[in-house]
C-alpha atoms as a PDB file:
ATOM      1  CA  MET A   1     153.870 -35.448-144.903  1.00  0.00           C
ATOM      2  CA  THR A   2     155.225 -38.313-146.114  1.00  0.00           C
ATOM      3  CA  TRP A   3     153.795 -41.365-146.915  1.00  0.00           C
ATOM      4  CA  GLY A   4     155.761 -43.392-144.119  1.00  0.00           C
ATOM      5  CA  GLU A   5     154.680 -40.726-141.460  1.00  0.00           C
ATOM      6  CA  SER A   6     151.123 -40.999-142.509  1.00  0.00           C
ATOM      7  CA  MET A   7     151.868 -44.935-142.206  1.00  0.00           C
ATOM      8  CA  LEU A   8     153.315 -44.385-138.920  1.00  0.00           C
ATOM      9  CA  TRP A   9     150.923 -42.160-136.806  1.00  0.00           C
ATOM     10  CA  ILE A  10     147.520 -42.668-139.040  1.00  0.00           C
ATOM     11  CA  VAL A  11     147.639 -46.410-140.294  1.00  0.00           C
ATOM     12  CA  ALA A  12     149.800 -47.764-137.298  1.00  0.00           C
ATOM     13  CA  PRO A  13     147.764 -46.772-134.739  1.00  0.00           C
ATOM     14  CA  TYR A  14     144.736 -48.382-135.997  1.00  0.00           C
ATOM     15  CA  VAL A  15     146.104 -52.062-136.986  1.00  0.00           C
ATOM     16  CA  THR A  16     147.842 -51.860-133.565  1.00  0.00           C
ATOM     17  CA  ILE A  17     144.432 -51.663-132.049  1.00  0.00           C
ATOM     18  CA  VAL A  18     142.997 -54.243-133.993  1.00  0.00           C
ATOM     19  CA  ILE A  19     145.501 -56.576-133.761  1.00  0.00           C
ATOM     20  CA  PHE A  20     144.880 -55.990-129.493  1.00  0.00           C
ATOM     21  CA  VAL A  21     141.681 -56.399-129.397  1.00  0.00           C
ATOM     22  CA  GLY A  22     141.443 -59.195-132.159  1.00  0.00           C
ATOM     23  CA  GLY A  23     144.489 -61.123-130.065  1.00  0.00           C
ATOM     24  CA  LEU A  24     142.795 -60.805-126.918  1.00  0.00           C
ATOM     25  CA  ILE A  25     139.329 -62.125-128.037  1.00  0.00           C
ATOM     26  CA  TRP A  26     141.084 -64.977-129.575  1.00  0.00           C
ATOM     27  CA  ARG A  27     143.159 -65.385-126.244  1.00  0.00           C
ATOM     28  CA  TYR A  28     140.184 -65.752-124.226  1.00  0.00           C
ATOM     29  CA  ARG A  29     138.333 -68.029-126.733  1.00  0.00           C
ATOM     30  CA  TYR A  30     141.238 -70.491-127.400  1.00  0.00           C
ATOM     31  CA  ASP A  31     143.882 -70.283-124.992  1.00  0.00           C
ATOM     32  CA  ARG A  32     141.763 -68.908-121.635  1.00  0.00           C
ATOM     33  CA  PHE A  33     143.453 -72.362-119.728  1.00  0.00           C
ATOM     34  CA  GLY A  34     146.810 -70.102-120.800  1.00  0.00           C
ATOM     35  CA  TRP A  35     145.764 -66.669-119.739  1.00  0.00           C
ATOM     36  CA  THR A  36     147.899 -66.605-116.914  1.00  0.00           C
ATOM     37  CA  THR A  37     151.319 -65.219-115.926  1.00  0.00           C
ATOM     38  CA  ARG A  38     152.547 -69.150-115.453  1.00  0.00           C
ATOM     39  CA  SER A  39     154.021 -68.215-111.793  1.00  0.00           C
ATOM     40  CA  SER A  40     157.771 -69.118-110.977  1.00  0.00           C
ATOM     41  CA  GLN A  41     158.025 -68.142-107.693  1.00  0.00           C
ATOM     42  CA  LEU A  42     158.123 -72.351-107.359  1.00  0.00           C
ATOM     43  CA  TYR A  43     161.990 -71.685-108.462  1.00  0.00           C
ATOM     44  CA  GLU A  44     162.642 -68.726-106.766  1.00  0.00           C
ATOM     45  CA  GLY A  45     160.783 -66.564-104.169  1.00  0.00           C
ATOM     46  CA  PRO A  46     162.993 -63.927-102.148  1.00  0.00           C
ATOM     47  CA  LEU A  47     163.889 -62.029-104.659  1.00  0.00           C
ATOM     48  CA  LEU A  48     160.560 -61.941-106.661  1.00  0.00           C
ATOM     49  CA  ARG A  49     159.331 -60.655-103.363  1.00  0.00           C
ATOM     50  CA  VAL A  50     161.165 -57.414-104.122  1.00  0.00           C
ATOM     51  CA  ALA A  51     161.062 -56.881-107.746  1.00  0.00           C
ATOM     52  CA  GLY A  52     157.541 -57.924-108.284  1.00  0.00           C
ATOM     53  CA  PRO A  53     156.034 -55.327-106.056  1.00  0.00           C
ATOM     54  CA  LEU A  54     158.052 -52.839-107.120  1.00  0.00           C
ATOM     55  CA  PHE A  55     157.682 -53.326-110.645  1.00  0.00           C
ATOM     56  CA  HIS A  56     154.128 -53.194-110.623  1.00  0.00           C
ATOM     57  CA  TYR A  57     153.396 -50.476-108.222  1.00  0.00           C
ATOM     58  CA  ALA A  58     155.561 -48.374-110.029  1.00  0.00           C
ATOM     59  CA  LEU A  59     154.478 -49.490-112.980  1.00  0.00           C
ATOM     60  CA  LEU A  60     150.662 -48.630-112.173  1.00  0.00           C
ATOM     61  CA  VAL A  61     151.795 -44.936-111.458  1.00  0.00           C
ATOM     62  CA  VAL A  62     153.381 -44.652-114.842  1.00  0.00           C
ATOM     63  CA  ILE A  63     150.123 -46.232-116.740  1.00  0.00           C
ATOM     64  CA  VAL A  64     147.906 -43.205-114.489  1.00  0.00           C
ATOM     65  CA  ALA A  65     150.668 -40.487-115.535  1.00  0.00           C
ATOM     66  CA  HIS A  66     150.955 -41.286-119.220  1.00  0.00           C
ATOM     67  CA  VAL A  67     146.561 -41.284-119.014  1.00  0.00           C
ATOM     68  CA  ALA A  68     146.550 -37.788-117.337  1.00  0.00           C
ATOM     69  CA  GLY A  69     149.469 -36.549-119.454  1.00  0.00           C
ATOM     70  CA  LEU A  70     147.684 -37.745-122.947  1.00  0.00           C
ATOM     71  CA  LEU A  71     144.074 -37.589-122.176  1.00  0.00           C
ATOM     72  CA  VAL A  72     143.750 -34.148-120.016  1.00  0.00           C
ATOM     73  CA  PRO A  73     144.238 -31.262-122.432  1.00  0.00           C
ATOM     74  CA  ALA A  74     146.688 -28.052-121.352  1.00  0.00           C
ATOM     75  CA  ARG A  75     143.580 -25.714-121.662  1.00  0.00           C
ATOM     76  CA  TRP A  76     142.020 -28.264-118.450  1.00  0.00           C
ATOM     77  CA  THR A  77     145.342 -27.518-116.386  1.00  0.00           C
ATOM     78  CA  ASP A  78     145.058 -24.117-117.133  1.00  0.00           C
ATOM     79  CA  ALA A  79     141.538 -23.400-116.284  1.00  0.00           C
ATOM     80  CA  ILE A  80     142.156 -24.396-112.486  1.00  0.00           C
ATOM     81  CA  GLY A  81     145.538 -22.549-111.877  1.00  0.00           C
ATOM     82  CA  VAL A  82     148.173 -25.263-112.890  1.00  0.00           C
ATOM     83  CA  SER A  83     151.014 -23.290-115.215  1.00  0.00           C
ATOM     84  CA  ASP A  84     152.677 -25.203-117.588  1.00  0.00           C
ATOM     85  CA  GLU A  85     155.719 -24.949-116.068  1.00  0.00           C
ATOM     86  CA  ALA A  86     154.640 -26.267-112.608  1.00  0.00           C
ATOM     87  CA  TYR A  87     153.180 -29.348-114.944  1.00  0.00           C
ATOM     88  CA  HIS A  88     155.950 -29.861-116.701  1.00  0.00           C
ATOM     89  CA  VAL A  89     158.332 -30.178-113.619  1.00  0.00           C
ATOM     90  CA  SER A  90     155.452 -32.004-111.465  1.00  0.00           C
ATOM     91  CA  ALA A  91     155.606 -34.452-114.784  1.00  0.00           C
ATOM     92  CA  VAL A  92     159.538 -34.723-115.341  1.00  0.00           C
ATOM     93  CA  ILE A  93     160.029 -34.900-111.427  1.00  0.00           C
ATOM     94  CA  TRP A  94     157.272 -37.823-110.583  1.00  0.00           C
ATOM     95  CA  GLY A  95     157.145 -39.450-114.412  1.00  0.00           C
ATOM     96  CA  GLY A  96     160.486 -39.779-113.719  1.00  0.00           C
ATOM     97  CA  ALA A  97     160.929 -41.416-110.395  1.00  0.00           C
ATOM     98  CA  ALA A  98     158.299 -43.635-111.461  1.00  0.00           C
ATOM     99  CA  GLY A  99     159.874 -44.646-114.728  1.00  0.00           C
ATOM    100  CA  LEU A 100     162.814 -45.403-112.516  1.00  0.00           C
ATOM    101  CA  ALA A 101     161.517 -47.245-110.182  1.00  0.00           C
ATOM    102  CA  THR A 102     159.346 -49.523-112.613  1.00  0.00           C
ATOM    103  CA  LEU A 103     163.354 -50.144-114.629  1.00  0.00           C
ATOM    104  CA  VAL A 104     165.148 -50.934-111.675  1.00  0.00           C
ATOM    105  CA  GLY A 105     162.193 -53.323-111.233  1.00  0.00           C
ATOM    106  CA  LEU A 106     161.782 -54.876-114.526  1.00  0.00           C
ATOM    107  CA  GLY A 107     166.069 -54.794-114.234  1.00  0.00           C
ATOM    108  CA  LEU A 108     165.606 -57.524-110.894  1.00  0.00           C
ATOM    109  CA  LEU A 109     163.042 -59.457-112.912  1.00  0.00           C
ATOM    110  CA  ILE A 110     165.315 -60.070-115.753  1.00  0.00           C
ATOM    111  CA  TYR A 111     168.730 -60.877-113.600  1.00  0.00           C
ATOM    112  CA  ARG A 112     165.936 -63.485-111.513  1.00  0.00           C
ATOM    113  CA  ARG A 113     164.729 -64.793-115.370  1.00  0.00           C
ATOM    114  CA  ALA A 114     168.616 -64.855-116.182  1.00  0.00           C
ATOM    115  CA  ASN A 115     169.707 -67.512-113.558  1.00  0.00           C
ATOM    116  CA  GLY A 116     169.227 -70.711-112.810  1.00  0.00           C
ATOM    117  CA  PRO A 117     166.070 -73.142-113.374  1.00  0.00           C
ATOM    118  CA  VAL A 118     163.938 -69.718-113.830  1.00  0.00           C
ATOM    119  CA  PHE A 119     165.881 -69.603-117.046  1.00  0.00           C
ATOM    120  CA  LEU A 120     164.590 -73.039-117.598  1.00  0.00           C
ATOM    121  CA  ALA A 121     161.284 -71.920-117.523  1.00  0.00           C
ATOM    122  CA  THR A 122     161.668 -68.973-119.772  1.00  0.00           C
ATOM    123  CA  THR A 123     160.054 -69.217-123.171  1.00  0.00           C
ATOM    124  CA  ALA A 124     160.724 -67.265-126.023  1.00  0.00           C
ATOM    125  CA  ASN A 125     157.798 -65.421-125.874  1.00  0.00           C
ATOM    126  CA  ASP A 126     158.724 -64.183-122.793  1.00  0.00           C
ATOM    127  CA  LYS A 127     162.008 -63.162-124.017  1.00  0.00           C
ATOM    128  CA  THR A 128     160.405 -61.379-126.342  1.00  0.00           C
ATOM    129  CA  MET A 129     158.264 -59.577-123.882  1.00  0.00           C
ATOM    130  CA  TYR A 130     160.939 -58.661-122.051  1.00  0.00           C
ATOM    131  CA  ALA A 131     162.958 -56.957-124.569  1.00  0.00           C
ATOM    132  CA  VAL A 132     160.285 -54.912-125.833  1.00  0.00           C
ATOM    133  CA  LEU A 133     159.209 -53.814-122.556  1.00  0.00           C
ATOM    134  CA  ALA A 134     162.435 -52.961-121.839  1.00  0.00           C
ATOM    135  CA  ALA A 135     162.549 -51.127-124.593  1.00  0.00           C
ATOM    136  CA  ALA A 136     159.498 -48.842-124.037  1.00  0.00           C
ATOM    137  CA  ILE A 137     160.630 -47.866-120.422  1.00  0.00           C
ATOM    138  CA  VAL A 138     164.048 -47.926-121.340  1.00  0.00           C
ATOM    139  CA  SER A 139     162.417 -45.065-124.124  1.00  0.00           C
ATOM    140  CA  GLY A 140     159.888 -43.300-121.765  1.00  0.00           C
ATOM    141  CA  VAL A 141     163.087 -42.749-118.760  1.00  0.00           C
ATOM    142  CA  VAL A 142     165.283 -41.144-121.718  1.00  0.00           C
ATOM    143  CA  THR A 143     162.134 -39.189-123.222  1.00  0.00           C
ATOM    144  CA  THR A 144     161.627 -38.201-119.752  1.00  0.00           C
ATOM    145  CA  ALA A 145     165.167 -36.991-118.060  1.00  0.00           C
ATOM    146  CA  ALA A 146     165.326 -35.292-121.997  1.00  0.00           C
ATOM    147  CA  GLY A 147     162.168 -32.688-121.142  1.00  0.00           C
ATOM    148  CA  PHE A 148     164.793 -30.674-118.767  1.00  0.00           C
ATOM    149  CA  ALA A 149     166.265 -29.854-122.012  1.00  0.00           C
ATOM    150  CA  PRO A 150     165.593 -26.124-123.121  1.00  0.00           C
ATOM    151  CA  GLY A 151     163.781 -26.254-126.946  1.00  0.00           C
ATOM    152  CA  GLU A 152     162.485 -29.353-126.410  1.00  0.00           C
ATOM    153  CA  ALA A 153     159.011 -30.070-127.841  1.00  0.00           C
ATOM    154  CA  SER A 154     156.383 -30.567-125.323  1.00  0.00           C
ATOM    155  CA  TYR A 155     154.031 -33.746-125.566  1.00  0.00           C
ATOM    156  CA  ARG A 156     151.369 -31.549-124.717  1.00  0.00           C
ATOM    157  CA  THR A 157     151.035 -30.161-127.666  1.00  0.00           C
ATOM    158  CA  THR A 158     152.765 -33.078-129.951  1.00  0.00           C
ATOM    159  CA  VAL A 159     151.571 -37.250-129.066  1.00  0.00           C
ATOM    160  CA  ALA A 160     148.889 -35.767-126.735  1.00  0.00           C
ATOM    161  CA  PRO A 161     146.918 -34.351-129.608  1.00  0.00           C
ATOM    162  CA  TRP A 162     147.864 -37.101-131.783  1.00  0.00           C
ATOM    163  CA  PHE A 163     146.871 -39.484-128.879  1.00  0.00           C
ATOM    164  CA  ARG A 164     143.367 -37.948-128.576  1.00  0.00           C
ATOM    165  CA  GLY A 165     143.067 -37.566-132.591  1.00  0.00           C
ATOM    166  CA  ILE A 166     143.063 -41.664-132.707  1.00  0.00           C
ATOM    167  CA  LEU A 167     140.464 -41.468-130.259  1.00  0.00           C
ATOM    168  CA  THR A 168     138.445 -39.351-132.187  1.00  0.00           C
ATOM    169  CA  LEU A 169     139.352 -41.050-135.295  1.00  0.00           C
ATOM    170  CA  HIS A 170     140.806 -38.138-136.620  1.00  0.00           C
ATOM    171  CA  PRO A 171     144.643 -38.828-135.929  1.00  0.00           C
ATOM    172  CA  ASP A 172     146.390 -35.334-136.013  1.00  0.00           C
ATOM    173  CA  ALA A 173     149.971 -36.850-137.783  1.00  0.00           C
ATOM    174  CA  ALA A 174     151.080 -33.424-138.389  1.00  0.00           C
ATOM    175  CA  ALA A 175     151.257 -32.506-134.780  1.00  0.00           C
ATOM    176  CA  MET A 176     153.181 -35.984-134.006  1.00  0.00           C
ATOM    177  CA  GLY A 177     155.498 -34.886-137.239  1.00  0.00           C
ATOM    178  CA  HIS A 178     156.148 -31.931-134.508  1.00  0.00           C
ATOM    179  CA  ALA A 179     157.181 -34.214-131.598  1.00  0.00           C
ATOM    180  CA  GLY A 180     161.080 -35.248-130.963  1.00  0.00           C
ATOM    181  CA  ASP A 181     162.881 -38.301-132.373  1.00  0.00           C
ATOM    182  CA  LEU A 182     162.590 -39.384-128.149  1.00  0.00           C
ATOM    183  CA  TYR A 183     159.034 -39.210-128.056  1.00  0.00           C
ATOM    184  CA  LYS A 184     158.619 -40.968-131.419  1.00  0.00           C
ATOM    185  CA  VAL A 185     160.491 -43.736-130.755  1.00  0.00           C
ATOM    186  CA  HIS A 186     159.043 -44.311-127.079  1.00  0.00           C
ATOM    187  CA  ALA A 187     155.223 -44.064-129.522  1.00  0.00           C
ATOM    188  CA  VAL A 188     156.503 -46.831-131.547  1.00  0.00           C
ATOM    189  CA  MET A 189     158.190 -49.316-128.679  1.00  0.00           C
ATOM    190  CA  GLY A 190     154.424 -48.326-126.930  1.00  0.00           C
ATOM    191  CA  MET A 191     152.513 -49.636-129.992  1.00  0.00           C
ATOM    192  CA  ALA A 192     154.724 -52.342-130.393  1.00  0.00           C
ATOM    193  CA  LEU A 193     153.640 -53.355-126.539  1.00  0.00           C
ATOM    194  CA  PHE A 194     150.285 -53.445-127.453  1.00  0.00           C
ATOM    195  CA  ALA A 195     150.427 -55.683-130.165  1.00  0.00           C
ATOM    196  CA  LEU A 196     152.181 -57.904-128.259  1.00  0.00           C
ATOM    197  CA  PHE A 197     150.339 -57.735-124.843  1.00  0.00           C
ATOM    198  CA  PRO A 198     147.606 -60.833-126.036  1.00  0.00           C
ATOM    199  CA  PHE A 199     149.955 -63.002-126.922  1.00  0.00           C
ATOM    200  CA  SER A 200     152.065 -62.722-124.094  1.00  0.00           C
ATOM    201  CA  ARG A 201     152.510 -63.019-120.486  1.00  0.00           C
ATOM    202  CA  LEU A 202     151.066 -59.517-120.042  1.00  0.00           C
ATOM    203  CA  VAL A 203     147.371 -60.692-120.429  1.00  0.00           C
ATOM    204  CA  HIS A 204     147.555 -61.474-117.080  1.00  0.00           C
ATOM    205  CA  ALA A 205     146.720 -57.526-116.229  1.00  0.00           C
ATOM    206  CA  LEU A 206     143.548 -57.974-117.617  1.00  0.00           C
ATOM    207  CA  SER A 207     142.515 -61.222-115.128  1.00  0.00           C
ATOM    208  CA  ALA A 208     143.124 -58.670-111.667  1.00  0.00           C
ATOM    209  CA  PRO A 209     141.222 -60.143-108.933  1.00  0.00           C
ATOM    210  CA  LEU A 210     138.674 -56.955-108.018  1.00  0.00           C
ATOM    211  CA  GLY A 211     136.117 -59.410-107.145  1.00  0.00           C
ATOM    212  CA  TYR A 212     138.515 -60.102-104.073  1.00  0.00           C
ATOM    213  CA  LEU A 213     137.058 -56.372-103.353  1.00  0.00           C
ATOM    214  CA  PHE A 214     133.319 -56.703-103.096  1.00  0.00           C
ATOM    215  CA  ARG A 215     133.087 -60.534-102.075  1.00  0.00           C
ATOM    216  CA  PRO A 216     131.568 -61.052 -98.265  1.00  0.00           C
ATOM    217  CA  TYR A 217     133.688 -62.171 -95.648  1.00  0.00           C
ATOM    218  CA  ILE A 218     134.690 -65.914 -95.355  1.00  0.00           C
ATOM    219  CA  VAL A 219     133.938 -67.684 -91.707  1.00  0.00           C
ATOM    220  CA  TYR A 220     135.867 -69.949 -90.664  1.00  0.00           C
ATOM    221  CA  ARG A 221     134.166 -72.113 -87.640  1.00  0.00           C
ATOM    222  CA  ARG A 222     135.491 -74.987 -85.653  1.00  0.00           C
ATOM    223  CA  ARG A 223     134.309 -78.546 -85.837  1.00  0.00           C
ATOM    224  CA  ALA A 224     131.659 -79.519 -83.560  1.00  0.00           C
ATOM    225  CA  ARG A 225     133.286 -82.633 -81.527  1.00  0.00           C
END
């Protein structure tokens, strides 16, 4: 293992985690009122009504797929009778469809941002965020599509063990070293996105109004005359 690989697959993940957690704490403490998407619906709404839900719902599927794919070991799916081939085909088809839908939604959002008053309301931080987010999604879609190629190393034996090792403080850099270049690029883009997350509009994802699911109904009554 080279010095560069050690830095990239052992040191960089923990630097990313420190930036992510520290950035969230800083943002919440010193920019609590800026913890928002800075809505631009006032400038243009019709396209947003299509692009917004498409992007967010597809991205939710992508996130769930990543969590399941990275955290669930192959022996668990083997134990319930899901073959490696069936799992791989399902992951490529569903993951590819969700990734493509996410990319289309993001493309529409970027197109909307590039026109008229919405562009004037787009900051340099927004442009950087969109660039990194697009790079992460494109690399993911390309990596998923390449999963059909014969002989491509499976992420379940390379990226997944490395990722789980990060959580247990024993990152398997050797396993990551056997991953394909596309997986490595996607992993680097993922770390860059997490490092940028606390300092961009993406932070609004942590402000989901889950309380609305459990609050009592609001009762409206007519005013007595």
